[in-house]
């Protein structure tokens, strides 16, 4: 099965590719000739994921899945949430976003947070599915590690061994991450489709 992942983020493609079964050929937006910026104008993760996947289907007639991810910080009433990528402004700069987040939490003792990912899968004009994954954790007081992307240097998952996501090799992160959990649900669904056609 050929399936497009509606993202131009090479880091996300690298994370997701090893999670997919061998029978699925993962296509990027570039592979299907999509050069334009995908719309993300909804006020929920679910809405943005669905909007991006539906756009690819409507314009390129290609089965597609899209994700939207938010960092939800308890002391900030769930912010930055759906605005995580552009928290510090439209330039979508990870270092700026982290700096703003740490400033906002400067006097906070509650540093609980969670990463949440929603994946929308559009297989046809009428068939659409949603899959969600989350991971609880804490926000560090300073960035740690050089791997990962986004807020990874300041997020330590509760279920881990004390390393931030940016301090983990990709294989370790994929054991715990919100995106991996959502994609594994997607993969289980796709495997069910394959089994049903056998």
Protein backbone atom coordinates (compact mmCIF):
# COMPACT_ATOMS: atom_id res chain seq x y z
CA UNK A 1 0.00 0.00 0.00
CA UNK A 2 1.25 3.48 -0.89
CA UNK A 3 0.48 5.97 1.84
CA UNK A 4 1.46 9.62 2.04
CA UNK A 5 2.49 11.22 5.30
CA UNK A 6 1.37 14.84 5.13
CA UNK A 7 4.48 16.50 6.48
CA UNK A 8 7.61 18.21 5.23
CA UNK A 9 9.29 17.52 8.57
CA UNK A 10 12.21 15.17 7.90
CA UNK A 11 12.50 14.40 11.63
CA UNK A 12 8.92 13.15 11.75
CA UNK A 13 9.45 11.03 8.63
CA UNK A 14 12.54 9.48 10.22
CA UNK A 15 10.58 8.71 13.39
CA UNK A 16 7.62 7.16 11.62
CA UNK A 17 9.29 5.15 8.85
CA UNK A 18 10.70 2.39 11.13
CA UNK A 19 7.29 1.99 12.80
CA UNK A 20 5.45 1.07 9.59
CA UNK A 21 5.18 -2.53 8.35
CA UNK A 22 7.15 -3.60 5.28
CA UNK A 23 4.03 -3.72 3.11
CA UNK A 24 3.49 0.05 3.33
CA UNK A 25 5.44 2.39 1.07
CA UNK A 26 5.69 5.74 2.86
CA UNK A 27 5.50 8.74 0.54
CA UNK A 28 6.42 12.28 1.52
CA UNK A 29 4.62 15.37 0.27
CA UNK A 30 7.53 15.92 -2.13
CA UNK A 31 7.03 12.39 -3.51
CA UNK A 32 3.48 13.23 -4.59
CA UNK A 33 4.44 16.66 -5.93
CA UNK A 34 2.87 18.69 -3.14
CA UNK A 35 4.97 21.83 -2.65
CA UNK A 36 2.43 24.10 -1.00
CA UNK A 37 2.05 24.74 2.71
CA UNK A 38 -0.76 22.61 4.11
CA UNK A 39 -3.55 24.45 5.94
CA UNK A 40 -3.55 24.31 9.75
CA UNK A 41 -6.28 26.73 10.76
CA UNK A 42 -8.24 24.66 13.27
CA UNK A 43 -8.21 25.21 17.03
CA UNK A 44 -7.72 21.55 18.02
CA UNK A 45 -5.08 18.92 17.25
CA UNK A 46 -7.82 16.69 15.83
CA UNK A 47 -9.03 19.46 13.54
CA UNK A 48 -5.57 20.27 12.19
CA UNK A 49 -4.66 16.63 11.56
CA UNK A 50 -7.94 16.02 9.74
CA UNK A 51 -7.60 19.24 7.73
CA UNK A 52 -4.11 18.35 6.45
CA UNK A 53 -4.96 14.75 5.53
CA UNK A 54 -8.19 15.76 3.83
CA UNK A 55 -6.35 18.46 1.84
CA UNK A 56 -3.94 15.89 0.40
CA UNK A 57 -6.78 13.55 -0.52
CA UNK A 58 -8.84 16.33 -2.10
CA UNK A 59 -5.95 17.74 -4.16
CA UNK A 60 -3.83 14.64 -4.91
CA UNK A 61 -6.27 11.70 -4.57
CA UNK A 62 -3.68 9.86 -2.47
CA UNK A 63 -4.45 7.91 0.73
CA UNK A 64 -2.84 9.97 3.43
CA UNK A 65 -2.28 10.38 7.12
CA UNK A 66 -1.37 13.58 8.94
CA UNK A 67 -0.50 14.33 12.53
CA UNK A 68 -0.70 17.29 14.81
CA UNK A 69 1.13 17.36 18.10
CA UNK A 70 0.89 19.64 21.09
CA UNK A 71 2.79 20.07 24.32
CA UNK A 72 0.23 20.62 27.08
CA UNK A 73 1.65 22.13 30.28
CA UNK A 74 -0.45 21.90 33.44
CA UNK A 75 0.70 25.19 35.01
CA UNK A 76 -0.10 27.01 31.74
CA UNK A 77 -3.65 25.61 31.53
CA UNK A 78 -2.72 23.29 28.69
CA UNK A 79 -0.70 25.81 26.67
CA UNK A 80 1.00 25.90 24.26
CA UNK A 81 -1.20 23.02 23.03
CA UNK A 82 -2.35 23.38 19.44
CA UNK A 83 -0.08 26.45 19.09
CA UNK A 84 3.09 24.56 20.14
CA UNK A 85 4.96 24.99 16.83
CA UNK A 86 4.37 28.75 16.73
CA UNK A 87 4.30 29.46 20.47
CA UNK A 88 6.96 32.20 20.21
CA UNK A 89 5.78 33.47 16.82
CA UNK A 90 5.09 32.57 13.19
CA UNK A 91 8.77 31.78 12.52
CA UNK A 92 8.20 28.36 14.20
CA UNK A 93 11.65 28.37 15.77
CA UNK A 94 12.19 25.58 18.32
CA UNK A 95 14.82 27.45 20.33
CA UNK A 96 12.55 30.51 20.60
CA UNK A 97 9.63 28.32 21.67
CA UNK A 98 11.72 26.63 24.36
CA UNK A 99 13.01 29.95 25.64
CA UNK A 100 9.47 31.32 25.94
CA UNK A 101 8.25 28.16 27.68
CA UNK A 102 11.04 28.21 30.26
CA UNK A 103 10.40 31.91 30.95
CA UNK A 104 6.69 31.22 31.46
CA UNK A 105 7.57 28.45 33.96
CA UNK A 106 10.32 30.36 35.75
CA UNK A 107 8.44 30.71 39.04
CA UNK A 108 6.34 27.57 38.75
CA UNK A 109 6.87 24.52 40.96
CA UNK A 110 4.38 22.41 38.99
CA UNK A 111 6.24 21.36 35.85
CA UNK A 112 3.91 18.53 34.82
CA UNK A 113 3.15 18.31 31.11
CA UNK A 114 2.16 15.89 28.41
CA UNK A 115 2.86 15.51 24.73
CA UNK A 116 -0.23 14.54 22.74
CA UNK A 117 -0.40 13.50 19.09
CA UNK A 118 -3.47 12.95 16.93
CA UNK A 119 -3.14 11.13 13.61
CA UNK A 120 -5.87 11.45 10.98
CA UNK A 121 -6.03 8.83 8.23
CA UNK A 122 -8.01 9.54 5.06
CA UNK A 123 -8.39 6.54 2.77
CA UNK A 124 -11.15 7.77 0.48
CA UNK A 125 -13.74 10.49 0.04
CA UNK A 126 -15.84 8.95 2.82
CA UNK A 127 -13.43 6.94 4.99
CA UNK A 128 -11.54 8.71 7.74
CA UNK A 129 -10.08 7.53 11.07
CA UNK A 130 -8.42 9.19 14.08
CA UNK A 131 -5.73 7.74 16.36
CA UNK A 132 -4.29 9.42 19.46
CA UNK A 133 -1.24 8.91 21.65
CA UNK A 134 0.06 10.76 24.70
CA UNK A 135 2.96 10.60 27.12
CA UNK A 136 3.14 12.34 30.52
CA UNK A 137 6.31 14.01 31.73
CA UNK A 138 7.99 17.02 33.29
CA UNK A 139 9.52 20.20 31.86
CA UNK A 140 13.18 20.61 32.80
CA UNK A 141 14.64 23.91 33.98
CA UNK A 142 17.13 24.01 31.09
CA UNK A 143 17.51 22.20 27.74
CA UNK A 144 19.30 18.84 27.85
CA UNK A 145 20.59 16.79 24.93
CA UNK A 146 21.20 17.42 21.26
CA UNK A 147 18.89 14.89 19.60
CA UNK A 148 15.23 15.02 18.71
CA UNK A 149 13.46 18.23 17.72
CA UNK A 150 10.92 20.73 18.97
CA UNK A 151 10.52 20.65 22.75
CA UNK A 152 12.45 17.37 23.15
CA UNK A 153 15.39 19.00 25.04
CA UNK A 154 13.11 20.15 27.88
CA UNK A 155 10.73 17.17 28.15
CA UNK A 156 11.48 14.21 30.43
CA UNK A 157 8.89 11.40 30.12
CA UNK A 158 7.58 10.08 33.44
CA UNK A 159 7.95 6.47 32.28
CA UNK A 160 11.58 6.89 31.21
CA UNK A 161 14.89 6.74 33.07
CA UNK A 162 15.33 10.47 33.66
CA UNK A 163 16.65 11.37 30.21
CA UNK A 164 14.99 14.04 28.12
CA UNK A 165 13.70 13.00 24.71
CA UNK A 166 16.68 14.88 23.22
CA UNK A 167 19.10 12.71 25.23
CA UNK A 168 17.63 9.46 23.86
CA UNK A 169 18.53 7.60 20.68
CA UNK A 170 15.58 7.50 18.29
CA UNK A 171 14.90 3.82 19.06
CA UNK A 172 14.50 4.61 22.77
CA UNK A 173 12.27 7.61 22.09
CA UNK A 174 10.08 5.48 19.83
CA UNK A 175 9.44 3.11 22.75
CA UNK A 176 7.79 5.92 24.70
CA UNK A 177 6.78 8.78 22.47
CA UNK A 178 3.30 10.17 21.90
CA UNK A 179 3.76 10.05 18.13
CA UNK A 180 4.94 6.44 18.22
CA UNK A 181 1.89 5.45 20.29
CA UNK A 182 -0.52 7.10 17.86
CA UNK A 183 1.28 5.63 14.84
CA UNK A 184 1.26 2.13 16.38
CA UNK A 185 -2.54 2.38 16.60
CA UNK A 186 -2.58 3.47 12.96
CA UNK A 187 -0.35 0.52 12.00
CA UNK A 188 -2.57 -1.94 13.89
CA UNK A 189 -5.54 -0.60 11.95
CA UNK A 190 -3.71 -0.87 8.61
CA UNK A 191 -2.64 -4.43 9.44
CA UNK A 192 -6.28 -5.24 10.11
CA UNK A 193 -7.19 -3.91 6.67
CA UNK A 194 -4.50 -6.07 5.10
CA UNK A 195 -5.63 -9.13 7.04
CA UNK A 196 -9.21 -8.50 6.02
CA UNK A 197 -8.22 -8.45 2.35
CA UNK A 198 -6.25 -11.70 2.58
